C-alpha cells in the first residue's frame, strides 16, 4: 500500500467542492468567538469581588463561566417556587 503526501495531509473538507470555503468560515467563526470570550473575561476581571459575588462568581470561576463550564444557578425564587418556576 502506498500513500502520497497529498493523501496523508489532505483533510476531508478539502476533497469536496466548497469544503475549503466551509473550513475558512469555521476558522473565522472560531476566531471571532475567541475574541468575544476574551473580552468577556477582561470585563469580568474589572469587577470587584463584591460585584462578582452578586452575580454568583468568584475570581477563580471567571474563565469557566465564560466558557460555559459553570452549572446554571437554580432559578427558583426564595419562596421555593413562584416567579422563576
Protein backbone atom coordinates (compact mmCIF):
# COMPACT_ATOMS: atom_id res chain seq x y z
CA UNK A 1 0.00 0.00 0.00
CA UNK A 2 1.46 3.32 -0.96
CA UNK A 3 0.48 6.74 0.27
CA UNK A 4 1.43 10.11 -1.01
CA UNK A 5 1.78 13.29 0.98
CA UNK A 6 -1.31 14.76 -0.69
CA UNK A 7 -3.48 11.92 0.65
CA UNK A 8 -1.93 11.92 4.12
CA UNK A 9 -2.14 15.65 4.77
CA UNK A 10 -5.29 16.47 2.85
CA UNK A 11 -8.24 16.97 5.21
CA UNK A 12 -11.64 15.60 4.27
CA UNK A 13 -13.06 19.11 3.95
CA UNK A 14 -10.69 19.78 1.07
CA UNK A 15 -11.89 16.83 -1.04
CA UNK A 16 -15.46 18.09 -1.55
CA UNK A 17 -16.49 21.15 -3.56
CA UNK A 18 -16.80 24.17 -1.27
CA UNK A 19 -15.00 22.38 1.54
CA UNK A 20 -12.22 24.92 1.69
CA UNK A 21 -14.71 27.79 2.00
CA UNK A 22 -16.50 25.98 4.83
CA UNK A 23 -13.16 25.43 6.54
CA UNK A 24 -12.31 29.14 6.30
CA UNK A 25 -15.76 30.11 7.64
CA UNK A 26 -15.34 27.74 10.55
CA UNK A 27 -11.94 29.18 11.39
CA UNK A 28 -13.28 32.74 11.13
CA UNK A 29 -16.15 31.86 13.46
CA UNK A 30 -13.79 30.24 15.94
CA UNK A 31 -11.52 33.28 15.93
CA UNK A 32 -14.49 35.61 16.43
CA UNK A 33 -15.77 33.54 19.36
CA UNK A 34 -12.29 33.53 20.90
CA UNK A 35 -12.13 37.33 20.91
CA UNK A 36 -15.67 37.63 22.28
CA UNK A 37 -14.77 35.29 25.16
CA UNK A 38 -11.54 37.20 25.84
CA UNK A 39 -13.49 40.47 26.01
CA UNK A 40 -15.96 38.90 28.45
CA UNK A 41 -13.13 37.65 30.68
CA UNK A 42 -11.47 41.06 30.58
CA UNK A 43 -14.75 42.75 31.50
CA UNK A 44 -15.45 40.37 34.41
CA UNK A 45 -11.94 40.79 35.77
CA UNK A 46 -12.65 44.51 36.16
CA UNK A 47 -15.49 43.74 38.59
CA UNK A 48 -14.86 43.99 42.32
CA UNK A 49 -15.10 40.85 44.45
CA UNK A 50 -18.44 42.07 45.77
CA UNK A 51 -19.85 42.59 42.26
CA UNK A 52 -18.70 39.12 41.26
CA UNK A 53 -20.29 37.65 44.38
CA UNK A 54 -23.56 39.42 43.47
CA UNK A 55 -23.68 37.55 40.18
CA UNK A 56 -22.65 34.29 41.83
CA UNK A 57 -18.99 34.09 40.79
CA UNK A 58 -15.58 34.16 42.37
CA UNK A 59 -12.42 35.27 40.56
CA UNK A 60 -11.32 31.68 40.08
CA UNK A 61 -14.58 30.88 38.27
CA UNK A 62 -14.45 33.62 35.63
CA UNK A 63 -12.81 31.56 32.87
CA UNK A 64 -15.10 28.57 33.45
CA UNK A 65 -18.20 30.78 33.47
CA UNK A 66 -17.26 32.50 30.22
CA UNK A 67 -16.58 29.16 28.51
CA UNK A 68 -19.90 27.76 29.74
CA UNK A 69 -18.49 25.19 32.16
CA UNK A 70 -20.42 26.51 35.17
CA UNK A 71 -23.77 24.97 36.07
CA UNK A 72 -26.69 27.36 35.84
CA UNK A 73 -27.99 28.58 39.20
CA UNK A 74 -31.31 27.32 40.47
CA UNK A 75 -33.86 29.73 39.01
CA UNK A 76 -36.50 29.31 41.72
CA UNK A 77 -37.43 32.29 43.82
CA UNK A 78 -36.60 32.44 47.51
CA UNK A 79 -40.02 31.10 48.46
CA UNK A 80 -39.27 27.81 46.64
CA UNK A 81 -41.41 28.45 43.58
CA UNK A 82 -43.17 31.42 42.22
CA UNK A 83 -41.88 33.80 39.57
CA UNK A 84 -38.86 31.79 38.41
CA UNK A 85 -40.58 28.42 38.08
